Amino acid sequence: MFATLPFDEVFPVQAAEHLKDYTVIDVRTPGEFHGFLGHVPGSELVTFPQLIAKAQTWRKDQKLLIVCRSGNRSGQVCHWLGSQGFTDVHNLIGGMQAWRASGLTTEQ
């Protein structure tokens, strides 16, 4: 039997089509956020050390899109948020690598 994830996964094009509905949280380092891959327009940088304190300011039902470079770190954050009672959490499949590969707009 498969365990269900405490979050949804969304492809970059799907996320981009509904970007205004999300609070976009990028969990990479500042160097990655401002680096070559850029970041999703309007996203907020929240590094791992900041995560616990920052999550306390979010509503548990807030629609969150969590982003990293490849989808790994963001998946870990999504699991953690789900364990903390967040109910509308979404992981960007493939992270910023997939976002860029899809030709979507980025900010530096």
PDB file of N, CA and C in Angstrom:
ATOM      1  N   MET A   1       0.838  -1.176   0.000  1.00  0.00           N
ATOM      2  CA  MET A   1       0.000   0.000   0.000  1.00  0.00           C
ATOM      3  C   MET A   1       0.891   1.250   0.000  1.00  0.00           C
ATOM      4  N   PHE A   2       0.499   2.245  -0.750  1.00  0.00           N
ATOM      5  CA  PHE A   2       1.266   3.467  -0.863  1.00  0.00           C
ATOM      6  C   PHE A   2       0.801   4.493   0.167  1.00  0.00           C
ATOM      7  N   ALA A   3       1.752   5.189   0.746  1.00  0.00           N
ATOM      8  CA  ALA A   3       1.414   6.274   1.671  1.00  0.00           C
ATOM      9  C   ALA A   3       1.068   7.513   0.860  1.00  0.00           C
ATOM     10  N   THR A   4       0.089   8.249   1.310  1.00  0.00           N
ATOM     11  CA  THR A   4      -0.247   9.490   0.622  1.00  0.00           C
ATOM     12  C   THR A   4       0.640  10.609   1.150  1.00  0.00           C
ATOM     13  N   LEU A   5       0.961  11.510   0.271  1.00  0.00           N
ATOM     14  CA  LEU A   5       1.799  12.652   0.648  1.00  0.00           C
ATOM     15  C   LEU A   5       0.940  13.700   1.353  1.00  0.00           C
ATOM     16  N   PRO A   6       1.523  14.413   2.319  1.00  0.00           N
ATOM     17  CA  PRO A   6       0.770  15.471   2.999  1.00  0.00           C
ATOM     18  C   PRO A   6       0.756  16.771   2.195  1.00  0.00           C
ATOM     19  N   PHE A   7       1.031  16.663   0.895  1.00  0.00           N
ATOM     20  CA  PHE A   7       1.067  17.831   0.018  1.00  0.00           C
ATOM     21  C   PHE A   7       0.813  17.377  -1.412  1.00  0.00           C
ATOM     22  N   ASP A   8       0.576  18.338  -2.296  1.00  0.00           N
ATOM     23  CA  ASP A   8       0.395  18.070  -3.720  1.00  0.00           C
ATOM     24  C   ASP A   8       1.676  18.417  -4.459  1.00  0.00           C
ATOM     25  N   GLU A   9       1.852  17.804  -5.616  1.00  0.00           N
ATOM     26  CA  GLU A   9       2.970  18.160  -6.475  1.00  0.00           C
ATOM     27  C   GLU A   9       2.394  18.786  -7.738  1.00  0.00           C
ATOM     28  N   VAL A  10       3.065  19.823  -8.217  1.00  0.00           N
ATOM     29  CA  VAL A  10       2.554  20.558  -9.370  1.00  0.00           C
ATOM     30  C   VAL A  10       3.698  20.802 -10.349  1.00  0.00           C
ATOM     31  N   PHE A  11       3.409  20.607 -11.630  1.00  0.00           N
ATOM     32  CA  PHE A  11       4.393  20.869 -12.678  1.00  0.00           C
ATOM     33  C   PHE A  11       4.525  22.374 -12.888  1.00  0.00           C
ATOM     34  N   PRO A  12       5.673  22.827 -13.384  1.00  0.00           N
ATOM     35  CA  PRO A  12       5.901  24.267 -13.559  1.00  0.00           C
ATOM     36  C   PRO A  12       4.827  24.985 -14.372  1.00  0.00           C
ATOM     37  N   VAL A  13       4.417  24.421 -15.493  1.00  0.00           N
ATOM     38  CA  VAL A  13       3.425  25.114 -16.329  1.00  0.00           C
ATOM     39  C   VAL A  13       2.101  25.250 -15.580  1.00  0.00           C
ATOM     40  N   GLN A  14       1.703  24.206 -14.844  1.00  0.00           N
ATOM     41  CA  GLN A  14       0.476  24.284 -14.038  1.00  0.00           C
ATOM     42  C   GLN A  14       0.604  25.376 -12.978  1.00  0.00           C
ATOM     43  N   ALA A  15       1.743  25.412 -12.309  1.00  0.00           N
ATOM     44  CA  ALA A  15       1.972  26.418 -11.268  1.00  0.00           C
ATOM     45  C   ALA A  15       1.925  27.822 -11.867  1.00  0.00           C
ATOM     46  N   ALA A  16       2.575  28.001 -13.014  1.00  0.00           N
ATOM     47  CA  ALA A  16       2.617  29.317 -13.652  1.00  0.00           C
ATOM     48  C   ALA A  16       1.227  29.805 -14.036  1.00  0.00           C
ATOM     49  N   GLU A  17       0.363  28.884 -14.455  1.00  0.00           N
ATOM     50  CA  GLU A  17      -1.005  29.257 -14.849  1.00  0.00           C
ATOM     51  C   GLU A  17      -1.821  29.769 -13.666  1.00  0.00           C
ATOM     52  N   HIS A  18      -1.438  29.368 -12.456  1.00  0.00           N
ATOM     53  CA  HIS A  18      -2.194  29.752 -11.255  1.00  0.00           C
ATOM     54  C   HIS A  18      -1.305  30.472 -10.250  1.00  0.00           C
ATOM     55  N   LEU A  19      -0.249  31.106 -10.727  1.00  0.00           N
ATOM     56  CA  LEU A  19       0.754  31.705  -9.853  1.00  0.00           C
ATOM     57  C   LEU A  19       0.155  32.717  -8.882  1.00  0.00           C
ATOM     58  N   LYS A  20      -0.818  33.482  -9.329  1.00  0.00           N
ATOM     59  CA  LYS A  20      -1.418  34.509  -8.467  1.00  0.00           C
ATOM     60  C   LYS A  20      -2.156  33.905  -7.274  1.00  0.00           C
ATOM     61  N   ASP A  21      -2.494  32.628  -7.343  1.00  0.00           N
ATOM     62  CA  ASP A  21      -3.209  31.966  -6.251  1.00  0.00           C
ATOM     63  C   ASP A  21      -2.296  31.507  -5.127  1.00  0.00           C
ATOM     64  N   TYR A  22      -0.988  31.423  -5.408  1.00  0.00           N
ATOM     65  CA  TYR A  22      -0.024  30.886  -4.453  1.00  0.00           C
ATOM     66  C   TYR A  22       0.742  31.969  -3.694  1.00  0.00           C
ATOM     67  N   THR A  23       1.165  31.638  -2.501  1.00  0.00           N
ATOM     68  CA  THR A  23       2.265  32.317  -1.850  1.00  0.00           C
ATOM     69  C   THR A  23       3.463  31.452  -2.173  1.00  0.00           C
ATOM     70  N   VAL A  24       4.420  31.997  -2.936  1.00  0.00           N
ATOM     71  CA  VAL A  24       5.554  31.201  -3.411  1.00  0.00           C
ATOM     72  C   VAL A  24       6.720  31.377  -2.452  1.00  0.00           C
ATOM     73  N   ILE A  25       7.177  30.256  -1.898  1.00  0.00           N
ATOM     74  CA  ILE A  25       8.272  30.241  -0.939  1.00  0.00           C
ATOM     75  C   ILE A  25       9.443  29.483  -1.554  1.00  0.00           C
ATOM     76  N   ASP A  26      10.570  30.147  -1.690  1.00  0.00           N
ATOM     77  CA  ASP A  26      11.796  29.547  -2.235  1.00  0.00           C
ATOM     78  C   ASP A  26      12.706  29.219  -1.062  1.00  0.00           C
ATOM     79  N   VAL A  27      13.096  27.945  -0.927  1.00  0.00           N
ATOM     80  CA  VAL A  27      13.865  27.508   0.232  1.00  0.00           C
ATOM     81  C   VAL A  27      15.352  27.294  -0.077  1.00  0.00           C
ATOM     82  N   ARG A  28      15.833  27.880  -1.151  1.00  0.00           N
ATOM     83  CA  ARG A  28      17.248  27.760  -1.504  1.00  0.00           C
ATOM     84  C   ARG A  28      18.083  28.771  -0.720  1.00  0.00           C
ATOM     85  N   THR A  29      19.377  28.772  -0.982  1.00  0.00           N
ATOM     86  CA  THR A  29      20.261  29.756  -0.370  1.00  0.00           C
ATOM     87  C   THR A  29      20.129  31.083  -1.111  1.00  0.00           C
ATOM     88  N   PRO A  30      20.554  32.197  -0.494  1.00  0.00           N
ATOM     89  CA  PRO A  30      20.501  33.482  -1.206  1.00  0.00           C
ATOM     90  C   PRO A  30      21.282  33.454  -2.529  1.00  0.00           C
ATOM     91  N   GLY A  31      22.425  32.779  -2.549  1.00  0.00           N
ATOM     92  CA  GLY A  31      23.211  32.688  -3.779  1.00  0.00           C
ATOM     93  C   GLY A  31      22.462  31.987  -4.899  1.00  0.00           C
ATOM     94  N   GLU A  32      21.724  30.939  -4.557  1.00  0.00           N
ATOM     95  CA  GLU A  32      20.923  30.232  -5.562  1.00  0.00           C
ATOM     96  C   GLU A  32      19.742  31.090  -6.012  1.00  0.00           C
ATOM     97  N   PHE A  33      19.093  31.723  -5.063  1.00  0.00           N
ATOM     98  CA  PHE A  33      17.922  32.554  -5.340  1.00  0.00           C
ATOM     99  C   PHE A  33      18.245  33.653  -6.351  1.00  0.00           C
ATOM    100  N   HIS A  34      19.429  34.274  -6.193  1.00  0.00           N
ATOM    101  CA  HIS A  34      19.837  35.361  -7.082  1.00  0.00           C
ATOM    102  C   HIS A  34      20.776  34.902  -8.186  1.00  0.00           C
ATOM    103  N   GLY A  35      21.010  33.592  -8.293  1.00  0.00           N
ATOM    104  CA  GLY A  35      21.970  33.046  -9.241  1.00  0.00           C
ATOM    105  C   GLY A  35      21.406  32.779 -10.621  1.00  0.00           C
ATOM    106  N   PHE A  36      22.100  31.909 -11.325  1.00  0.00           N
ATOM    107  CA  PHE A  36      21.830  31.605 -12.727  1.00  0.00           C
ATOM    108  C   PHE A  36      20.379  31.209 -13.002  1.00  0.00           C
ATOM    109  N   LEU A  37      19.802  30.349 -12.171  1.00  0.00           N
ATOM    110  CA  LEU A  37      18.434  29.890 -12.428  1.00  0.00           C
ATOM    111  C   LEU A  37      17.390  30.953 -12.114  1.00  0.00           C
ATOM    112  N   GLY A  38      17.774  31.952 -11.343  1.00  0.00           N
ATOM    113  CA  GLY A  38      16.820  32.982 -10.942  1.00  0.00           C
ATOM    114  C   GLY A  38      15.788  32.415  -9.989  1.00  0.00           C
ATOM    115  N   HIS A  39      14.642  33.074  -9.906  1.00  0.00           N
ATOM    116  CA  HIS A  39      13.572  32.604  -9.037  1.00  0.00           C
ATOM    117  C   HIS A  39      12.213  32.943  -9.649  1.00  0.00           C
ATOM    118  N   VAL A  40      11.203  32.274  -9.167  1.00  0.00           N
ATOM    119  CA  VAL A  40       9.833  32.493  -9.632  1.00  0.00           C
ATOM    120  C   VAL A  40       9.448  33.940  -9.297  1.00  0.00           C
ATOM    121  N   PRO A  41       8.887  34.670 -10.256  1.00  0.00           N
ATOM    122  CA  PRO A  41       8.483  36.050  -9.982  1.00  0.00           C
ATOM    123  C   PRO A  41       7.569  36.142  -8.762  1.00  0.00           C
ATOM    124  N   GLY A  42       7.893  37.072  -7.876  1.00  0.00           N
ATOM    125  CA  GLY A  42       7.093  37.296  -6.687  1.00  0.00           C
ATOM    126  C   GLY A  42       7.352  36.343  -5.537  1.00  0.00           C
ATOM    127  N   SER A  43       8.333  35.450  -5.711  1.00  0.00           N
ATOM    128  CA  SER A  43       8.599  34.485  -4.641  1.00  0.00           C
ATOM    129  C   SER A  43       9.351  35.134  -3.489  1.00  0.00           C
ATOM    130  N   GLU A  44       9.234  34.506  -2.331  1.00  0.00           N
ATOM    131  CA  GLU A  44       9.903  34.968  -1.120  1.00  0.00           C
ATOM    132  C   GLU A  44      10.980  33.964  -0.745  1.00  0.00           C
ATOM    133  N   LEU A  45      12.172  34.450  -0.483  1.00  0.00           N
ATOM    134  CA  LEU A  45      13.265  33.592  -0.049  1.00  0.00           C
ATOM    135  C   LEU A  45      13.127  33.323   1.447  1.00  0.00           C
ATOM    136  N   VAL A  46      13.026  32.038   1.805  1.00  0.00           N
ATOM    137  CA  VAL A  46      12.972  31.625   3.206  1.00  0.00           C
ATOM    138  C   VAL A  46      13.941  30.458   3.338  1.00  0.00           C
ATOM    139  N   THR A  47      15.132  30.721   3.843  1.00  0.00           N
ATOM    140  CA  THR A  47      16.138  29.671   3.974  1.00  0.00           C
ATOM    141  C   THR A  47      15.745  28.705   5.090  1.00  0.00           C
ATOM    142  N   PHE A  48      16.359  27.510   5.085  1.00  0.00           N
ATOM    143  CA  PHE A  48      16.053  26.508   6.112  1.00  0.00           C
ATOM    144  C   PHE A  48      16.134  27.072   7.529  1.00  0.00           C
ATOM    145  N   PRO A  49      17.203  27.817   7.869  1.00  0.00           N
ATOM    146  CA  PRO A  49      17.269  28.337   9.244  1.00  0.00           C
ATOM    147  C   PRO A  49      16.119  29.282   9.606  1.00  0.00           C
ATOM    148  N   GLN A  50      15.517  29.924   8.620  1.00  0.00           N
ATOM    149  CA  GLN A  50      14.416  30.856   8.857  1.00  0.00           C
ATOM    150  C   GLN A  50      13.048  30.183   8.863  1.00  0.00           C
ATOM    151  N   LEU A  51      12.992  28.953   8.403  1.00  0.00           N
ATOM    152  CA  LEU A  51      11.725  28.299   8.094  1.00  0.00           C
ATOM    153  C   LEU A  51      10.777  28.176   9.288  1.00  0.00           C
ATOM    154  N   ILE A  52      11.254  27.684  10.402  1.00  0.00           N
ATOM    155  CA  ILE A  52      10.366  27.457  11.550  1.00  0.00           C
ATOM    156  C   ILE A  52       9.721  28.753  12.013  1.00  0.00           C
ATOM    157  N   ALA A  53      10.526  29.807  12.158  1.00  0.00           N
ATOM    158  CA  ALA A  53       9.983  31.085  12.608  1.00  0.00           C
ATOM    159  C   ALA A  53       9.022  31.670  11.572  1.00  0.00           C
ATOM    160  N   LYS A  54       9.398  31.600  10.311  1.00  0.00           N
ATOM    161  CA  LYS A  54       8.567  32.188   9.257  1.00  0.00           C
ATOM    162  C   LYS A  54       7.244  31.443   9.102  1.00  0.00           C
ATOM    163  N   ALA A  55       7.283  30.123   9.216  1.00  0.00           N
ATOM    164  CA  ALA A  55       6.056  29.323   9.059  1.00  0.00           C
ATOM    165  C   ALA A  55       5.015  29.685  10.108  1.00  0.00           C
ATOM    166  N   GLN A  56       5.456  30.179  11.247  1.00  0.00           N
ATOM    167  CA  GLN A  56       4.517  30.576  12.297  1.00  0.00           C
ATOM    168  C   GLN A  56       3.686  31.794  11.892  1.00  0.00           C
ATOM    169  N   THR A  57       4.138  32.509  10.850  1.00  0.00           N
ATOM    170  CA  THR A  57       3.399  33.688  10.386  1.00  0.00           C
ATOM    171  C   THR A  57       2.405  33.348   9.276  1.00  0.00           C
ATOM    172  N   TRP A  58       2.444  32.107   8.772  1.00  0.00           N
ATOM    173  CA  TRP A  58       1.550  31.698   7.684  1.00  0.00           C
ATOM    174  C   TRP A  58       0.295  31.054   8.247  1.00  0.00           C
ATOM    175  N   ARG A  59      -0.825  31.265   7.555  1.00  0.00           N
ATOM    176  CA  ARG A  59      -2.075  30.579   7.919  1.00  0.00           C
ATOM    177  C   ARG A  59      -1.943  29.097   7.549  1.00  0.00           C
ATOM    178  N   LYS A  60      -2.518  28.241   8.322  1.00  0.00           N
ATOM    179  CA  LYS A  60      -2.443  26.790   8.069  1.00  0.00           C
ATOM    180  C   LYS A  60      -3.149  26.400   6.771  1.00  0.00           C
ATOM    181  N   ASP A  61      -4.105  27.230   6.313  1.00  0.00           N
ATOM    182  CA  ASP A  61      -4.823  26.929   5.074  1.00  0.00           C
ATOM    183  C   ASP A  61      -4.344  27.781   3.889  1.00  0.00           C
ATOM    184  N   GLN A  62      -3.247  28.491   4.080  1.00  0.00           N
ATOM    185  CA  GLN A  62      -2.691  29.329   3.015  1.00  0.00           C
ATOM    186  C   GLN A  62      -2.168  28.437   1.892  1.00  0.00           C
ATOM    187  N   LYS A  63      -2.416  28.831   0.643  1.00  0.00           N
ATOM    188  CA  LYS A  63      -1.981  28.044  -0.516  1.00  0.00           C
ATOM    189  C   LYS A  63      -0.509  28.357  -0.784  1.00  0.00           C
ATOM    190  N   LEU A  64       0.358  27.415  -0.413  1.00  0.00           N
ATOM    191  CA  LEU A  64       1.805  27.605  -0.512  1.00  0.00           C
ATOM    192  C   LEU A  64       2.385  26.782  -1.645  1.00  0.00           C
ATOM    193  N   LEU A  65       3.230  27.406  -2.457  1.00  0.00           N
ATOM    194  CA  LEU A  65       4.021  26.706  -3.462  1.00  0.00           C
ATOM    195  C   LEU A  65       5.464  26.765  -2.991  1.00  0.00           C
ATOM    196  N   ILE A  66       6.051  25.610  -2.720  1.00  0.00           N
ATOM    197  CA  ILE A  66       7.405  25.537  -2.191  1.00  0.00           C
ATOM    198  C   ILE A  66       8.353  25.168  -3.336  1.00  0.00           C
ATOM    199  N   VAL A  67       9.447  25.945  -3.442  1.00  0.00           N
ATOM    200  CA  VAL A  67      10.364  25.845  -4.581  1.00  0.00           C
ATOM    201  C   VAL A  67      11.796  25.682  -4.091  1.00  0.00           C
ATOM    202  N   CYS A  68      12.565  24.845  -4.796  1.00  0.00           N
ATOM    203  CA  CYS A  68      14.020  24.767  -4.594  1.00  0.00           C
ATOM    204  C   CYS A  68      14.666  24.559  -5.967  1.00  0.00           C
ATOM    205  N   ARG A  69      15.879  24.069  -6.009  1.00  0.00           N
ATOM    206  CA  ARG A  69      16.571  23.881  -7.285  1.00  0.00           C
ATOM    207  C   ARG A  69      15.978  22.724  -8.080  1.00  0.00           C
ATOM    208  N   SER A  70      15.774  21.571  -7.419  1.00  0.00           N
ATOM    209  CA  SER A  70      15.364  20.374  -8.145  1.00  0.00           C
ATOM    210  C   SER A  70      14.070  19.737  -7.656  1.00  0.00           C
ATOM    211  N   GLY A  71      13.530  20.201  -6.557  1.00  0.00           N
ATOM    212  CA  GLY A  71      12.323  19.614  -5.986  1.00  0.00           C
ATOM    213  C   GLY A  71      12.574  18.759  -4.757  1.00  0.00           C
ATOM    214  N   ASN A  72      13.843  18.499  -4.435  1.00  0.00           N
ATOM    215  CA  ASN A  72      14.185  17.679  -3.270  1.00  0.00           C
ATOM    216  C   ASN A  72      13.985  18.414  -1.948  1.00  0.00           C
ATOM    217  N   ARG A  73      14.693  19.528  -1.786  1.00  0.00           N
ATOM    218  CA  ARG A  73      14.573  20.294  -0.534  1.00  0.00           C
ATOM    219  C   ARG A  73      13.144  20.768  -0.329  1.00  0.00           C
ATOM    220  N   SER A  74      12.517  21.215  -1.406  1.00  0.00           N
ATOM    221  CA  SER A  74      11.141  21.688  -1.280  1.00  0.00           C
ATOM    222  C   SER A  74      10.213  20.550  -0.867  1.00  0.00           C
ATOM    223  N   GLY A  75      10.469  19.333  -1.341  1.00  0.00           N
ATOM    224  CA  GLY A  75       9.680  18.181  -0.926  1.00  0.00           C
ATOM    225  C   GLY A  75       9.820  17.918   0.565  1.00  0.00           C
ATOM    226  N   GLN A  76      11.045  18.060   1.084  1.00  0.00           N
ATOM    227  CA  GLN A  76      11.270  17.892   2.522  1.00  0.00           C
ATOM    228  C   GLN A  76      10.509  18.953   3.315  1.00  0.00           C
ATOM    229  N   VAL A  77      10.553  20.173   2.820  1.00  0.00           N
ATOM    230  CA  VAL A  77       9.826  21.262   3.487  1.00  0.00           C
ATOM    231  C   VAL A  77       8.320  21.001   3.436  1.00  0.00           C
ATOM    232  N   CYS A  78       7.826  20.521   2.303  1.00  0.00           N
ATOM    233  CA  CYS A  78       6.397  20.209   2.190  1.00  0.00           C
ATOM    234  C   CYS A  78       5.986  19.132   3.194  1.00  0.00           C
ATOM    235  N   HIS A  79       6.807  18.098   3.337  1.00  0.00           N
ATOM    236  CA  HIS A  79       6.525  17.064   4.337  1.00  0.00           C
ATOM    237  C   HIS A  79       6.448  17.680   5.732  1.00  0.00           C
ATOM    238  N   TRP A  80       7.415  18.524   6.047  1.00  0.00           N
ATOM    239  CA  TRP A  80       7.450  19.154   7.369  1.00  0.00           C
ATOM    240  C   TRP A  80       6.218  20.031   7.586  1.00  0.00           C
ATOM    241  N   LEU A  81       5.885  20.843   6.580  1.00  0.00           N
ATOM    242  CA  LEU A  81       4.711  21.711   6.713  1.00  0.00           C
ATOM    243  C   LEU A  81       3.446  20.888   6.923  1.00  0.00           C
ATOM    244  N   GLY A  82       3.317  19.788   6.190  1.00  0.00           N
ATOM    245  CA  GLY A  82       2.168  18.909   6.379  1.00  0.00           C
ATOM    246  C   GLY A  82       2.105  18.363   7.800  1.00  0.00           C
ATOM    247  N   SER A  83       3.265  18.028   8.345  1.00  0.00           N
ATOM    248  CA  SER A  83       3.307  17.509   9.725  1.00  0.00           C
ATOM    249  C   SER A  83       2.965  18.585  10.750  1.00  0.00           C
ATOM    250  N   GLN A  84       3.053  19.848  10.340  1.00  0.00           N
ATOM    251  CA  GLN A  84       2.736  20.967  11.220  1.00  0.00           C
ATOM    252  C   GLN A  84       1.293  21.432  11.066  1.00  0.00           C
ATOM    253  N   GLY A  85       0.524  20.730  10.231  1.00  0.00           N
ATOM    254  CA  GLY A  85      -0.896  21.053  10.089  1.00  0.00           C
ATOM    255  C   GLY A  85      -1.255  21.923   8.903  1.00  0.00           C
ATOM    256  N   PHE A  86      -0.290  22.237   8.034  1.00  0.00           N
ATOM    257  CA  PHE A  86      -0.603  23.011   6.834  1.00  0.00           C
ATOM    258  C   PHE A  86      -1.361  22.122   5.857  1.00  0.00           C
ATOM    259  N   THR A  87      -2.426  22.649   5.277  1.00  0.00           N
ATOM    260  CA  THR A  87      -3.344  21.823   4.491  1.00  0.00           C
ATOM    261  C   THR A  87      -3.363  22.103   2.995  1.00  0.00           C
ATOM    262  N   ASP A  88      -2.684  23.144   2.535  1.00  0.00           N
ATOM    263  CA  ASP A  88      -2.734  23.500   1.107  1.00  0.00           C
ATOM    264  C   ASP A  88      -1.314  23.775   0.605  1.00  0.00           C
ATOM    265  N   VAL A  89      -0.479  22.745   0.678  1.00  0.00           N
ATOM    266  CA  VAL A  89       0.938  22.855   0.358  1.00  0.00           C
ATOM    267  C   VAL A  89       1.214  22.151  -0.966  1.00  0.00           C
ATOM    268  N   HIS A  90       2.034  22.797  -1.820  1.00  0.00           N
ATOM    269  CA  HIS A  90       2.332  22.276  -3.154  1.00  0.00           C
ATOM    270  C   HIS A  90       3.837  22.332  -3.407  1.00  0.00           C
ATOM    271  N   ASN A  91       4.382  21.236  -3.897  1.00  0.00           N
ATOM    272  CA  ASN A  91       5.799  21.157  -4.240  1.00  0.00           C
ATOM    273  C   ASN A  91       5.952  21.358  -5.744  1.00  0.00           C
ATOM    274  N   LEU A  92       6.869  22.227  -6.157  1.00  0.00           N
ATOM    275  CA  LEU A  92       7.136  22.438  -7.579  1.00  0.00           C
ATOM    276  C   LEU A  92       7.991  21.282  -8.090  1.00  0.00           C
ATOM    277  N   ILE A  93       7.414  20.422  -8.917  1.00  0.00           N
ATOM    278  CA  ILE A  93       8.117  19.265  -9.458  1.00  0.00           C
ATOM    279  C   ILE A  93       9.296  19.741 -10.307  1.00  0.00           C
ATOM    280  N   GLY A  94      10.484  19.246  -9.995  1.00  0.00           N
ATOM    281  CA  GLY A  94      11.684  19.597 -10.753  1.00  0.00           C
ATOM    282  C   GLY A  94      12.290  20.928 -10.370  1.00  0.00           C
ATOM    283  N   GLY A  95      11.646  21.664  -9.473  1.00  0.00           N
ATOM    284  CA  GLY A  95      12.183  22.922  -8.968  1.00  0.00           C
ATOM    285  C   GLY A  95      12.470  23.949 -10.059  1.00  0.00           C
ATOM    286  N   MET A  96      13.429  24.823  -9.753  1.00  0.00           N
ATOM    287  CA  MET A  96      13.775  25.893 -10.689  1.00  0.00           C
ATOM    288  C   MET A  96      14.431  25.364 -11.961  1.00  0.00           C
ATOM    289  N   GLN A  97      15.037  24.204 -11.888  1.00  0.00           N
ATOM    290  CA  GLN A  97      15.597  23.615 -13.105  1.00  0.00           C
ATOM    291  C   GLN A  97      14.477  23.339 -14.111  1.00  0.00           C
ATOM    292  N   ALA A  98      13.384  22.764 -13.640  1.00  0.00           N
ATOM    293  CA  ALA A  98      12.255  22.468 -14.514  1.00  0.00           C
ATOM    294  C   ALA A  98      11.535  23.749 -14.943  1.00  0.00           C
ATOM    295  N   TRP A  99      11.444  24.719 -14.030  1.00  0.00           N
ATOM    296  CA  TRP A  99      10.806  26.001 -14.362  1.00  0.00           C
ATOM    297  C   TRP A  99      11.539  26.651 -15.534  1.00  0.00           C
ATOM    298  N   ARG A 100      12.874  26.728 -15.427  1.00  0.00           N
ATOM    299  CA  ARG A 100      13.683  27.320 -16.508  1.00  0.00           C
ATOM    300  C   ARG A 100      13.572  26.515 -17.786  1.00  0.00           C
ATOM    301  N   ALA A 101      13.642  25.182 -17.677  1.00  0.00           N
ATOM    302  CA  ALA A 101      13.558  24.312 -18.849  1.00  0.00           C
ATOM    303  C   ALA A 101      12.209  24.448 -19.558  1.00  0.00           C
ATOM    304  N   SER A 102      11.191  24.852 -18.825  1.00  0.00           N
ATOM    305  CA  SER A 102       9.861  25.061 -19.406  1.00  0.00           C
ATOM    306  C   SER A 102       9.746  26.421 -20.096  1.00  0.00           C
ATOM    307  N   GLY A 103      10.794  27.247 -19.992  1.00  0.00           N
ATOM    308  CA  GLY A 103      10.793  28.553 -20.643  1.00  0.00           C
ATOM    309  C   GLY A 103       9.971  29.605 -19.922  1.00  0.00           C
ATOM    310  N   LEU A 104       9.695  29.377 -18.653  1.00  0.00           N
ATOM    311  CA  LEU A 104       8.882  30.319 -17.888  1.00  0.00           C
ATOM    312  C   LEU A 104       9.706  31.498 -17.407  1.00  0.00           C
ATOM    313  N   THR A 105       9.051  32.606 -17.156  1.00  0.00           N
ATOM    314  CA  THR A 105       9.690  33.846 -16.728  1.00  0.00           C
ATOM    315  C   THR A 105      10.327  33.678 -15.356  1.00  0.00           C
ATOM    316  N   THR A 106      11.513  34.261 -15.196  1.00  0.00           N
ATOM    317  CA  THR A 106      12.197  34.265 -13.903  1.00  0.00           C
ATOM    318  C   THR A 106      12.631  35.687 -13.574  1.00  0.00           C
ATOM    319  N   GLU A 107      12.924  35.882 -12.295  1.00  0.00           N
ATOM    320  CA  GLU A 107      13.553  37.131 -11.836  1.00  0.00           C
ATOM    321  C   GLU A 107      14.925  36.757 -11.298  1.00  0.00           C
ATOM    322  N   GLN A 108      15.847  37.717 -11.278  1.00  0.00           N
ATOM    323  CA  GLN A 108      17.190  37.435 -10.752  1.00  0.00           C
ATOM    324  C   GLN A 108      17.288  37.928  -9.348  1.00  0.00           C
TER     325      GLN A 108
END
